[in-house]
C-alpha atoms as a PDB file:
ATOM      1  CA  MET A   1     -40.639 -63.441  -5.579  1.00  0.00           C
ATOM      2  CA  ALA A   2     -38.494 -64.265  -2.551  1.00  0.00           C
ATOM      3  CA  VAL A   3     -36.850 -61.622  -0.346  1.00  0.00           C
ATOM      4  CA  LEU A   4     -33.340 -61.961   1.069  1.00  0.00           C
ATOM      5  CA  VAL A   5     -33.289 -60.692   4.666  1.00  0.00           C
ATOM      6  CA  CYS A   6     -29.726 -59.923   5.786  1.00  0.00           C
ATOM      7  CA  GLY A   7     -29.532 -59.223   9.505  1.00  0.00           C
ATOM      8  CA  SER A   8     -29.276 -60.772  12.933  1.00  0.00           C
ATOM      9  CA  LEU A   9     -30.870 -63.711  14.680  1.00  0.00           C
ATOM     10  CA  ALA A  10     -30.823 -63.204  18.432  1.00  0.00           C
ATOM     11  CA  PHE A  11     -32.355 -64.194  21.711  1.00  0.00           C
ATOM     12  CA  ASP A  12     -34.074 -61.295  23.470  1.00  0.00           C
ATOM     13  CA  THR A  13     -34.315 -61.123  27.246  1.00  0.00           C
ATOM     14  CA  ILE A  14     -37.091 -58.576  27.779  1.00  0.00           C
ATOM     15  CA  MET A  15     -37.764 -56.872  31.093  1.00  0.00           C
ATOM     16  CA  ASN A  16     -40.489 -54.391  32.002  1.00  0.00           C
ATOM     17  CA  PHE A  17     -39.684 -51.717  34.584  1.00  0.00           C
ATOM     18  CA  ASP A  18     -42.776 -50.519  36.453  1.00  0.00           C
ATOM     19  CA  GLY A  19     -41.671 -46.896  36.540  1.00  0.00           C
ATOM     20  CA  SER A  20     -39.877 -44.192  34.568  1.00  0.00           C
ATOM     21  CA  PHE A  21     -36.148 -44.150  33.833  1.00  0.00           C
ATOM     22  CA  ALA A  22     -36.250 -40.355  34.045  1.00  0.00           C
ATOM     23  CA  GLN A  23     -37.245 -40.557  37.706  1.00  0.00           C
ATOM     24  CA  GLN A  24     -34.351 -42.875  38.549  1.00  0.00           C
ATOM     25  CA  ILE A  25     -31.478 -41.249  36.647  1.00  0.00           C
ATOM     26  CA  LEU A  26     -30.235 -37.938  38.039  1.00  0.00           C
ATOM     27  CA  PRO A  27     -28.765 -35.781  35.226  1.00  0.00           C
ATOM     28  CA  ALA A  28     -26.341 -34.077  37.610  1.00  0.00           C
ATOM     29  CA  GLN A  29     -24.940 -37.465  38.677  1.00  0.00           C
ATOM     30  CA  LEU A  30     -24.356 -39.074  35.279  1.00  0.00           C
ATOM     31  CA  HIS A  31     -20.594 -39.040  35.836  1.00  0.00           C
ATOM     32  CA  ILE A  32     -21.059 -41.503  38.736  1.00  0.00           C
ATOM     33  CA  LEU A  33     -24.074 -43.380  37.392  1.00  0.00           C
ATOM     34  CA  ASN A  34     -24.940 -46.392  39.534  1.00  0.00           C
ATOM     35  CA  VAL A  35     -28.580 -47.452  39.271  1.00  0.00           C
ATOM     36  CA  SER A  36     -30.570 -50.626  39.718  1.00  0.00           C
ATOM     37  CA  PHE A  37     -34.035 -51.285  38.310  1.00  0.00           C
ATOM     38  CA  LEU A  38     -36.366 -53.821  39.901  1.00  0.00           C
ATOM     39  CA  VAL A  39     -38.147 -55.668  37.078  1.00  0.00           C
ATOM     40  CA  LYS A  40     -41.145 -57.791  37.981  1.00  0.00           C
ATOM     41  CA  GLU A  41     -41.595 -59.246  34.490  1.00  0.00           C
ATOM     42  CA  LEU A  42     -38.964 -61.073  32.435  1.00  0.00           C
ATOM     43  CA  ARG A  43     -39.288 -63.061  29.228  1.00  0.00           C
ATOM     44  CA  ARG A  44     -36.899 -64.709  26.800  1.00  0.00           C
ATOM     45  CA  ASP A  45     -38.014 -64.414  23.187  1.00  0.00           C
ATOM     46  CA  PHE A  46     -36.742 -65.190  19.725  1.00  0.00           C
ATOM     47  CA  GLY A  47     -35.535 -61.949  18.170  1.00  0.00           C
ATOM     48  CA  GLY A  48     -32.948 -60.300  15.970  1.00  0.00           C
ATOM     49  CA  CYS A  49     -33.839 -58.073  13.038  1.00  0.00           C
ATOM     50  CA  ALA A  50     -33.651 -60.801  10.383  1.00  0.00           C
ATOM     51  CA  GLY A  51     -35.735 -63.161  12.496  1.00  0.00           C
ATOM     52  CA  ASN A  52     -38.328 -60.525  13.346  1.00  0.00           C
ATOM     53  CA  ILE A  53     -38.668 -59.339   9.755  1.00  0.00           C
ATOM     54  CA  ALA A  54     -38.880 -62.901   8.436  1.00  0.00           C
ATOM     55  CA  TYR A  55     -41.582 -63.699  11.031  1.00  0.00           C
ATOM     56  CA  GLY A  56     -43.688 -60.742   9.913  1.00  0.00           C
ATOM     57  CA  MET A  57     -43.218 -61.595   6.274  1.00  0.00           C
ATOM     58  CA  ARG A  58     -44.421 -65.163   6.846  1.00  0.00           C
ATOM     59  CA  LEU A  59     -47.561 -63.794   8.509  1.00  0.00           C
ATOM     60  CA  LEU A  60     -48.077 -61.835   5.294  1.00  0.00           C
ATOM     61  CA  ASN A  61     -47.581 -65.020   3.208  1.00  0.00           C
ATOM     62  CA  ASN A  62     -44.207 -64.024   1.785  1.00  0.00           C
ATOM     63  CA  GLN A  63     -41.053 -66.087   1.212  1.00  0.00           C
ATOM     64  CA  PRO A  64     -38.280 -64.572   3.350  1.00  0.00           C
ATOM     65  CA  LEU A  65     -34.762 -65.964   3.120  1.00  0.00           C
ATOM     66  CA  PRO A  66     -32.923 -64.891   6.293  1.00  0.00           C
ATOM     67  CA  MET A  67     -29.146 -64.626   5.939  1.00  0.00           C
ATOM     68  CA  ALA A  68     -27.705 -64.684   9.444  1.00  0.00           C
ATOM     69  CA  ALA A  69     -25.367 -66.466  11.852  1.00  0.00           C
ATOM     70  CA  LEU A  70     -26.341 -68.448  14.953  1.00  0.00           C
ATOM     71  CA  GLY A  71     -24.135 -69.815  17.724  1.00  0.00           C
ATOM     72  CA  ARG A  72     -23.851 -73.223  19.299  1.00  0.00           C
ATOM     73  CA  ASP A  73     -27.000 -72.502  21.320  1.00  0.00           C
ATOM     74  CA  GLY A  74     -29.035 -71.826  18.168  1.00  0.00           C
ATOM     75  CA  ALA A  75     -30.701 -75.224  17.670  1.00  0.00           C
ATOM     76  CA  SER A  76     -34.012 -74.017  19.103  1.00  0.00           C
ATOM     77  CA  TYR A  77     -34.010 -71.066  16.693  1.00  0.00           C
ATOM     78  CA  LEU A  78     -33.404 -73.351  13.713  1.00  0.00           C
ATOM     79  CA  GLU A  79     -36.302 -75.521  14.864  1.00  0.00           C
ATOM     80  CA  ARG A  80     -38.527 -72.450  15.166  1.00  0.00           C
ATOM     81  CA  LEU A  81     -37.692 -71.286  11.642  1.00  0.00           C
ATOM     82  CA  ALA A  82     -38.567 -74.745  10.356  1.00  0.00           C
ATOM     83  CA  ARG A  83     -41.926 -74.700  12.195  1.00  0.00           C
ATOM     84  CA  LEU A  84     -42.717 -71.302  10.684  1.00  0.00           C
ATOM     85  CA  GLY A  85     -41.906 -72.548   7.194  1.00  0.00           C
ATOM     86  CA  ILE A  86     -38.964 -70.152   6.823  1.00  0.00           C
ATOM     87  CA  ASP A  87     -36.141 -71.278   4.529  1.00  0.00           C
ATOM     88  CA  ARG A  88     -32.914 -71.822   6.523  1.00  0.00           C
ATOM     89  CA  ARG A  89     -30.443 -72.364   3.675  1.00  0.00           C
ATOM     90  CA  TYR A  90     -28.568 -69.110   4.399  1.00  0.00           C
ATOM     91  CA  VAL A  91     -28.417 -69.511   8.174  1.00  0.00           C
ATOM     92  CA  LEU A  92     -24.913 -70.340   9.410  1.00  0.00           C
ATOM     93  CA  GLN A  93     -24.397 -72.046  12.780  1.00  0.00           C
ATOM     94  CA  LEU A  94     -21.031 -71.523  14.484  1.00  0.00           C
ATOM     95  CA  GLU A  95     -19.918 -73.823  17.299  1.00  0.00           C
ATOM     96  CA  ASP A  96     -17.340 -71.427  18.772  1.00  0.00           C
ATOM     97  CA  SER A  97     -19.794 -68.613  19.622  1.00  0.00           C
ATOM     98  CA  TYR A  98     -23.053 -67.935  21.376  1.00  0.00           C
ATOM     99  CA  THR A  99     -26.032 -66.627  19.441  1.00  0.00           C
ATOM    100  CA  ALA A 100     -26.397 -62.845  19.663  1.00  0.00           C
ATOM    101  CA  GLN A 101     -28.148 -61.792  22.860  1.00  0.00           C
ATOM    102  CA  ALA A 102     -30.133 -58.615  23.523  1.00  0.00           C
ATOM    103  CA  MET A 103     -31.184 -57.629  27.032  1.00  0.00           C
ATOM    104  CA  ILE A 104     -33.922 -55.014  26.738  1.00  0.00           C
ATOM    105  CA  MET A 105     -35.553 -53.086  29.572  1.00  0.00           C
ATOM    106  CA  THR A 106     -38.643 -50.957  28.878  1.00  0.00           C
ATOM    107  CA  ASP A 107     -40.182 -48.412  31.240  1.00  0.00           C
ATOM    108  CA  LEU A 108     -43.793 -47.214  31.467  1.00  0.00           C
ATOM    109  CA  ASP A 109     -43.051 -44.419  28.965  1.00  0.00           C
ATOM    110  CA  ASN A 110     -41.884 -47.002  26.381  1.00  0.00           C
ATOM    111  CA  ASN A 111     -38.276 -45.830  26.749  1.00  0.00           C
ATOM    112  CA  GLN A 112     -35.769 -48.646  26.387  1.00  0.00           C
ATOM    113  CA  ILE A 113     -32.278 -49.488  27.649  1.00  0.00           C
ATOM    114  CA  THR A 114     -30.576 -52.305  25.742  1.00  0.00           C
ATOM    115  CA  ALA A 115     -27.382 -54.295  26.286  1.00  0.00           C
ATOM    116  CA  PHE A 116     -26.291 -56.363  23.299  1.00  0.00           C
ATOM    117  CA  HIS A 117     -23.726 -59.154  22.866  1.00  0.00           C
ATOM    118  CA  PRO A 118     -23.104 -59.815  19.143  1.00  0.00           C
ATOM    119  CA  GLY A 119     -21.752 -63.364  19.460  1.00  0.00           C
ATOM    120  CA  ALA A 120     -22.007 -65.257  16.169  1.00  0.00           C
ATOM    121  CA  MET A 121     -23.418 -62.176  14.463  1.00  0.00           C
ATOM    122  CA  ALA A 122     -19.891 -60.764  14.301  1.00  0.00           C
ATOM    123  CA  GLN A 123     -19.027 -63.578  11.853  1.00  0.00           C
ATOM    124  CA  ALA A 124     -22.026 -63.079   9.545  1.00  0.00           C
ATOM    125  CA  HIS A 125     -19.736 -61.700   6.828  1.00  0.00           C
ATOM    126  CA  ARG A 126     -18.697 -65.306   6.198  1.00  0.00           C
ATOM    127  CA  LEU A 127     -22.057 -65.661   4.456  1.00  0.00           C
ATOM    128  CA  ARG A 128     -21.716 -64.461   0.867  1.00  0.00           C
ATOM    129  CA  ILE A 129     -24.507 -63.386  -1.448  1.00  0.00           C
ATOM    130  CA  GLU A 130     -23.942 -65.500  -4.522  1.00  0.00           C
ATOM    131  CA  ASP A 131     -25.780 -68.157  -6.486  1.00  0.00           C
ATOM    132  CA  LEU A 132     -29.133 -66.884  -5.269  1.00  0.00           C
ATOM    133  CA  PRO A 133     -32.258 -68.599  -6.587  1.00  0.00           C
ATOM    134  CA  PRO A 134     -33.738 -66.656  -9.512  1.00  0.00           C
ATOM    135  CA  GLU A 135     -36.905 -65.791  -7.579  1.00  0.00           C
ATOM    136  CA  VAL A 136     -34.942 -63.441  -5.271  1.00  0.00           C
ATOM    137  CA  GLY A 137     -35.698 -59.976  -6.580  1.00  0.00           C
ATOM    138  CA  LEU A 138     -35.508 -57.849  -3.437  1.00  0.00           C
ATOM    139  CA  ALA A 139     -33.392 -57.671  -0.280  1.00  0.00           C
ATOM    140  CA  ILE A 140     -32.885 -55.751   2.935  1.00  0.00           C
ATOM    141  CA  VAL A 141     -29.636 -55.047   4.771  1.00  0.00           C
ATOM    142  CA  ALA A 142     -30.745 -54.795   8.405  1.00  0.00           C
ATOM    143  CA  PRO A 143     -28.612 -54.422  11.563  1.00  0.00           C
ATOM    144  CA  ASP A 144     -25.924 -57.116  11.644  1.00  0.00           C
ATOM    145  CA  GLY A 145     -22.187 -57.392  12.113  1.00  0.00           C
ATOM    146  CA  ARG A 146     -20.353 -54.375  10.720  1.00  0.00           C
ATOM    147  CA  GLU A 147     -18.401 -56.294   8.060  1.00  0.00           C
ATOM    148  CA  ALA A 148     -21.491 -58.283   7.076  1.00  0.00           C
ATOM    149  CA  MET A 149     -23.490 -55.111   6.425  1.00  0.00           C
ATOM    150  CA  LEU A 150     -20.701 -53.602   4.320  1.00  0.00           C
ATOM    151  CA  GLU A 151     -20.070 -56.778   2.347  1.00  0.00           C
ATOM    152  CA  HIS A 152     -23.707 -57.724   1.787  1.00  0.00           C
ATOM    153  CA  ALA A 153     -24.505 -54.210   0.559  1.00  0.00           C
ATOM    154  CA  ARG A 154     -21.643 -54.392  -1.948  1.00  0.00           C
ATOM    155  CA  GLN A 155     -22.627 -57.870  -3.098  1.00  0.00           C
ATOM    156  CA  LEU A 156     -26.283 -56.943  -3.618  1.00  0.00           C
ATOM    157  CA  SER A 157     -25.329 -53.871  -5.629  1.00  0.00           C
ATOM    158  CA  ALA A 158     -22.928 -55.920  -7.748  1.00  0.00           C
ATOM    159  CA  LEU A 159     -25.727 -58.377  -8.535  1.00  0.00           C
ATOM    160  CA  GLY A 160     -28.137 -55.562  -9.412  1.00  0.00           C
ATOM    161  CA  ILE A 161     -30.697 -56.631  -6.795  1.00  0.00           C
ATOM    162  CA  PRO A 162     -32.657 -53.659  -5.375  1.00  0.00           C
ATOM    163  CA  TRP A 163     -32.296 -53.458  -1.620  1.00  0.00           C
ATOM    164  CA  VAL A 164     -33.452 -51.569   1.463  1.00  0.00           C
ATOM    165  CA  PHE A 165     -30.843 -50.082   3.790  1.00  0.00           C
ATOM    166  CA  ASP A 166     -32.064 -50.370   7.384  1.00  0.00           C
ATOM    167  CA  PRO A 167     -29.116 -49.359   9.600  1.00  0.00           C
ATOM    168  CA  GLY A 168     -31.078 -49.314  12.876  1.00  0.00           C
ATOM    169  CA  GLN A 169     -28.961 -49.626  16.001  1.00  0.00           C
ATOM    170  CA  GLY A 170     -25.949 -50.383  13.793  1.00  0.00           C
ATOM    171  CA  LEU A 171     -25.830 -46.869  12.357  1.00  0.00           C
ATOM    172  CA  PRO A 172     -23.212 -45.524  14.828  1.00  0.00           C
ATOM    173  CA  MET A 173     -20.728 -48.178  13.621  1.00  0.00           C
ATOM    174  CA  PHE A 174     -20.276 -46.395  10.290  1.00  0.00           C
ATOM    175  CA  SER A 175     -18.502 -43.239   9.223  1.00  0.00           C
ATOM    176  CA  GLY A 176     -20.140 -40.566   7.119  1.00  0.00           C
ATOM    177  CA  ALA A 177     -18.325 -41.831   4.032  1.00  0.00           C
ATOM    178  CA  GLU A 178     -19.531 -45.389   4.630  1.00  0.00           C
ATOM    179  CA  LEU A 179     -23.109 -44.244   5.191  1.00  0.00           C
ATOM    180  CA  ARG A 180     -23.002 -42.210   1.984  1.00  0.00           C
ATOM    181  CA  GLN A 181     -21.805 -45.358   0.197  1.00  0.00           C
ATOM    182  CA  PHE A 182     -24.739 -47.347   1.601  1.00  0.00           C
ATOM    183  CA  ILE A 183     -27.189 -44.675   0.454  1.00  0.00           C
ATOM    184  CA  GLU A 184     -25.699 -44.483  -3.041  1.00  0.00           C
ATOM    185  CA  GLY A 185     -26.036 -48.261  -3.435  1.00  0.00           C
ATOM    186  CA  ALA A 186     -29.489 -48.772  -1.905  1.00  0.00           C
ATOM    187  CA  SER A 187     -32.874 -48.262  -3.521  1.00  0.00           C
ATOM    188  CA  TRP A 188     -34.640 -47.348  -0.266  1.00  0.00           C
ATOM    189  CA  VAL A 189     -33.540 -46.264   3.206  1.00  0.00           C
ATOM    190  CA  THR A 190     -35.684 -46.692   6.295  1.00  0.00           C
ATOM    191  CA  VAL A 191     -34.814 -45.237   9.701  1.00  0.00           C
ATOM    192  CA  ASN A 192     -36.611 -44.022  12.797  1.00  0.00           C
ATOM    193  CA  ASP A 193     -36.638 -40.332  13.699  1.00  0.00           C
ATOM    194  CA  TYR A 194     -33.561 -40.508  15.954  1.00  0.00           C
ATOM    195  CA  GLU A 195     -31.588 -42.527  13.401  1.00  0.00           C
ATOM    196  CA  ALA A 196     -32.652 -40.102  10.669  1.00  0.00           C
ATOM    197  CA  GLN A 197     -31.127 -37.170  12.525  1.00  0.00           C
ATOM    198  CA  LEU A 198     -27.919 -39.103  13.141  1.00  0.00           C
ATOM    199  CA  LEU A 199     -27.813 -40.157   9.480  1.00  0.00           C
ATOM    200  CA  CYS A 200     -28.074 -36.534   8.376  1.00  0.00           C
ATOM    201  CA  GLU A 201     -25.407 -35.472  10.873  1.00  0.00           C
ATOM    202  CA  ARG A 202     -22.954 -38.187   9.797  1.00  0.00           C
ATOM    203  CA  THR A 203     -23.446 -37.789   6.035  1.00  0.00           C
ATOM    204  CA  GLY A 204     -23.882 -34.024   5.935  1.00  0.00           C
ATOM    205  CA  TRP A 205     -26.980 -34.578   3.776  1.00  0.00           C
ATOM    206  CA  SER A 206     -30.525 -33.371   4.475  1.00  0.00           C
ATOM    207  CA  PHE A 207     -33.636 -35.531   4.078  1.00  0.00           C
ATOM    208  CA  LYS A 208     -34.099 -33.932   0.658  1.00  0.00           C
ATOM    209  CA  ASP A 209     -30.509 -34.719  -0.307  1.00  0.00           C
ATOM    210  CA  ILE A 210     -30.826 -38.343   0.778  1.00  0.00           C
ATOM    211  CA  SER A 211     -34.188 -38.916  -0.921  1.00  0.00           C
ATOM    212  CA  SER A 212     -32.867 -37.461  -4.194  1.00  0.00           C
ATOM    213  CA  ARG A 213     -30.321 -40.302  -4.305  1.00  0.00           C
ATOM    214  CA  LEU A 214     -32.917 -43.049  -3.723  1.00  0.00           C
ATOM    215  CA  ARG A 215     -36.316 -44.230  -4.766  1.00  0.00           C
ATOM    216  CA  ALA A 216     -37.423 -43.146  -1.290  1.00  0.00           C
ATOM    217  CA  LEU A 217     -36.370 -42.378   2.279  1.00  0.00           C
ATOM    218  CA  VAL A 218     -38.823 -43.463   4.978  1.00  0.00           C
ATOM    219  CA  VAL A 219     -38.628 -42.056   8.514  1.00  0.00           C
ATOM    220  CA  THR A 220     -40.798 -43.850  11.060  1.00  0.00           C
ATOM    221  CA  LEU A 221     -42.134 -41.654  13.865  1.00  0.00           C
ATOM    222  CA  GLY A 222     -43.710 -44.054  16.360  1.00  0.00           C
ATOM    223  CA  ALA A 223     -47.135 -42.840  17.455  1.00  0.00           C
ATOM    224  CA  LEU A 224     -47.068 -40.139  14.745  1.00  0.00           C
ATOM    225  CA  GLY A 225     -46.823 -42.635  11.872  1.00  0.00           C
ATOM    226  CA  CYS A 226     -44.102 -42.107   9.275  1.00  0.00           C
ATOM    227  CA  ASP A 227     -42.814 -39.660   6.695  1.00  0.00           C
ATOM    228  CA  ILE A 228     -42.130 -40.747   3.132  1.00  0.00           C
ATOM    229  CA  TRP A 229     -39.551 -38.666   1.284  1.00  0.00           C
ATOM    230  CA  GLU A 230     -39.522 -39.112  -2.497  1.00  0.00           C
ATOM    231  CA  GLN A 231     -37.333 -36.817  -4.603  1.00  0.00           C
ATOM    232  CA  GLY A 232     -37.291 -34.193  -1.893  1.00  0.00           C
ATOM    233  CA  GLU A 233     -41.044 -34.184  -1.253  1.00  0.00           C
ATOM    234  CA  LYS A 234     -42.512 -35.366   2.061  1.00  0.00           C
ATOM    235  CA  GLU A 235     -45.783 -37.218   2.699  1.00  0.00           C
ATOM    236  CA  ARG A 236     -47.025 -38.110   6.193  1.00  0.00           C
ATOM    237  CA  VAL A 237     -48.811 -41.438   6.707  1.00  0.00           C
ATOM    238  CA  ALA A 238     -50.723 -41.459   9.998  1.00  0.00           C
ATOM    239  CA  ALA A 239     -50.207 -44.119  12.654  1.00  0.00           C
ATOM    240  CA  ILE A 240     -52.829 -46.524  13.946  1.00  0.00           C
ATOM    241  CA  GLU A 241     -53.945 -45.797  17.497  1.00  0.00           C
ATOM    242  CA  VAL A 242     -53.341 -48.667  19.895  1.00  0.00           C
ATOM    243  CA  GLU A 243     -55.721 -48.751  22.839  1.00  0.00           C
ATOM    244  CA  ARG A 244     -53.383 -50.699  25.113  1.00  0.00           C
ATOM    245  CA  PRO A 245     -49.736 -50.587  24.004  1.00  0.00           C
ATOM    246  CA  LEU A 246     -47.722 -53.317  25.700  1.00  0.00           C
ATOM    247  CA  ASP A 247     -44.239 -53.622  24.213  1.00  0.00           C
ATOM    248  CA  PRO A 248     -42.460 -51.624  21.476  1.00  0.00           C
ATOM    249  CA  THR A 249     -39.755 -54.271  20.996  1.00  0.00           C
ATOM    250  CA  GLY A 250     -39.763 -55.360  17.349  1.00  0.00           C
ATOM    251  CA  CYS A 251     -42.295 -52.779  16.115  1.00  0.00           C
ATOM    252  CA  GLY A 252     -39.810 -51.394  13.611  1.00  0.00           C
ATOM    253  CA  ASP A 253     -39.091 -54.864  12.250  1.00  0.00           C
ATOM    254  CA  ALA A 254     -42.815 -55.619  11.946  1.00  0.00           C
ATOM    255  CA  TRP A 255     -43.180 -52.364  10.000  1.00  0.00           C
ATOM    256  CA  ARG A 256     -40.322 -53.335   7.702  1.00  0.00           C
ATOM    257  CA  ALA A 257     -41.856 -56.738   7.017  1.00  0.00           C
ATOM    258  CA  ALA A 258     -44.922 -54.953   5.662  1.00  0.00           C
ATOM    259  CA  LEU A 259     -42.740 -52.545   3.689  1.00  0.00           C
ATOM    260  CA  LEU A 260     -41.044 -55.470   1.960  1.00  0.00           C
ATOM    261  CA  HIS A 261     -44.424 -57.112   1.338  1.00  0.00           C
ATOM    262  CA  GLY A 262     -45.599 -54.022  -0.524  1.00  0.00           C
ATOM    263  CA  LEU A 263     -42.330 -53.357  -2.354  1.00  0.00           C
ATOM    264  CA  GLU A 264     -42.286 -56.927  -3.611  1.00  0.00           C
ATOM    265  CA  ARG A 265     -45.670 -56.292  -5.187  1.00  0.00           C
ATOM    266  CA  GLY A 266     -44.782 -52.903  -6.622  1.00  0.00           C
ATOM    267  CA  TRP A 267     -47.106 -50.904  -4.362  1.00  0.00           C
ATOM    268  CA  PRO A 268     -46.756 -47.136  -3.924  1.00  0.00           C
ATOM    269  CA  LEU A 269     -44.822 -46.277  -0.763  1.00  0.00           C
ATOM    270  CA  ALA A 270     -47.885 -44.771   0.921  1.00  0.00           C
ATOM    271  CA  ARG A 271     -49.680 -48.132   0.665  1.00  0.00           C
ATOM    272  CA  CYS A 272     -46.642 -49.965   2.006  1.00  0.00           C
ATOM    273  CA  ALA A 273     -46.454 -47.529   4.913  1.00  0.00           C
ATOM    274  CA  ALA A 274     -50.166 -47.804   5.697  1.00  0.00           C
ATOM    275  CA  LEU A 275     -49.864 -51.578   5.961  1.00  0.00           C
ATOM    276  CA  GLY A 276     -46.667 -51.154   7.983  1.00  0.00           C
ATOM    277  CA  ASN A 277     -48.473 -48.952  10.493  1.00  0.00           C
ATOM    278  CA  HIS A 278     -51.226 -51.572  10.915  1.00  0.00           C
ATOM    279  CA  VAL A 279     -48.763 -54.444  11.372  1.00  0.00           C
ATOM    280  CA  ALA A 280     -46.637 -52.419  13.816  1.00  0.00           C
ATOM    281  CA  ALA A 281     -49.789 -51.599  15.806  1.00  0.00           C
ATOM    282  CA  ARG A 282     -50.567 -55.328  16.105  1.00  0.00           C
ATOM    283  CA  LYS A 283     -47.035 -55.920  17.336  1.00  0.00           C
ATOM    284  CA  LEU A 284     -47.216 -53.034  19.845  1.00  0.00           C
ATOM    285  CA  ALA A 285     -50.266 -54.631  21.465  1.00  0.00           C
ATOM    286  CA  THR A 286     -48.356 -57.892  22.069  1.00  0.00           C
ATOM    287  CA  HIS A 287     -45.403 -58.758  24.293  1.00  0.00           C
ATOM    288  CA  GLY A 288     -42.251 -59.873  22.456  1.00  0.00           C
ATOM    289  CA  PRO A 289     -41.087 -59.306  18.872  1.00  0.00           C
ATOM    290  CA  GLN A 290     -42.434 -62.545  17.353  1.00  0.00           C
ATOM    291  CA  ASN A 291     -45.653 -63.319  19.234  1.00  0.00           C
ATOM    292  CA  TYR A 292     -48.242 -61.191  17.427  1.00  0.00           C
ATOM    293  CA  ASP A 293     -50.672 -62.326  14.744  1.00  0.00           C
ATOM    294  CA  LEU A 294     -52.563 -60.616  11.935  1.00  0.00           C
ATOM    295  CA  GLU A 295     -55.873 -62.400  12.404  1.00  0.00           C
ATOM    296  CA  GLY A 296     -58.705 -60.340  10.952  1.00  0.00           C
ATOM    297  CA  LEU A 297     -56.441 -57.931   9.048  1.00  0.00           C
ATOM    298  CA  ASP A 298     -57.839 -57.601   5.514  1.00  0.00           C
ATOM    299  CA  LEU A 299     -54.783 -57.335   3.271  1.00  0.00           C
ATOM    300  CA  THR A 300     -56.907 -56.704   0.203  1.00  0.00           C
ATOM    301  CA  ALA A 301     -57.808 -53.298   1.672  1.00  0.00           C
ATOM    302  CA  PHE A 302     -54.220 -52.160   1.056  1.00  0.00           C
ATOM    303  CA  VAL A 303     -53.900 -53.317  -2.548  1.00  0.00           C
ATOM    304  CA  PRO A 304     -53.747 -50.263  -4.859  1.00  0.00           C
END
C-alpha cells in the first residue's frame, strides 16, 4: 500500500540560541518588544511536513507519495526526493513563487520561535486528489496552505480513503466549524498537547467528544510520550529517554511517519505510538528534520 502525504515542502533555516528565551524577554515589556538573539550555529535543511514525513516513511521502507508545491528554487528538493526514492508525481513546481521557508530558532530549553513564509505552499490547492493509483489506501492531511488542507480533506473523504488529520501549526487558520468538519471526515487526528487544547477550545469538544467521532485521537506530549484516546478512553504510551537531545525540529513529523507505517499495516494504535516514540527519539538526537537514521532499530519488535 502507498500513502498519500498532503503537506508542505520547505527549506528550514535552523538556528540554535545558546541561552533561554525566558531570560531575554521581559513580560512587562511585551508591548514594546525589541530583542535580538546571537546565534552561533546556523544550518539550512530540507524540511516541510510532507517532506519530513515522507523521509521518515522511506527509512521505514514505505511508499510515500508527497502532494505539495515547490517554488522556482525547488530543483534541489526535487533532486533530493529522487535520490531518496520518493515518488514525485504529485509535486508541483511553480515558477512565480519561492519554496516555503521556515526560520526556526531553538533555545537551550528546546523552546522554539519560528518565522514562516508560505511561498508556493499557498498554491497547493491547485493539486487535486483524483485518479490515484489503486495501491493508495491511506493518507494524511498535514500542515499546508489553508485552501489545500480544506480541499484535500474533502477530496479524500469523497473518495472514501481513510486519512489522518494533522493540523499542526496550521490549526489557528481554521474556525471551530471548519475544525469540526475536519474531525467528522477524518479517521484519526494527531496533535501535540498545545494544539490539543486549542482544538478543544475552538471546537467546543472535549478529548472524549473528539475521540468518539474518530477511530482515535492521539495527543503527543514530548518527553512524556503520548496519549491515545479511543472511544473516550485514554492510554498513555511512554516516551523513549534521549541521553543527549539536540534538536526537536521535525520530531512530530518523524513520529507521524511511524504512525502511518503502523496504520498501513493495521497495527493497534499503541504499537504505532511505541514505534513513533522510538523514531522521534532518533530524530531528537540529530540536528535537522531529515538527517537522522534508524540503523539498528529492530522493526520486528513492534509487530503485534
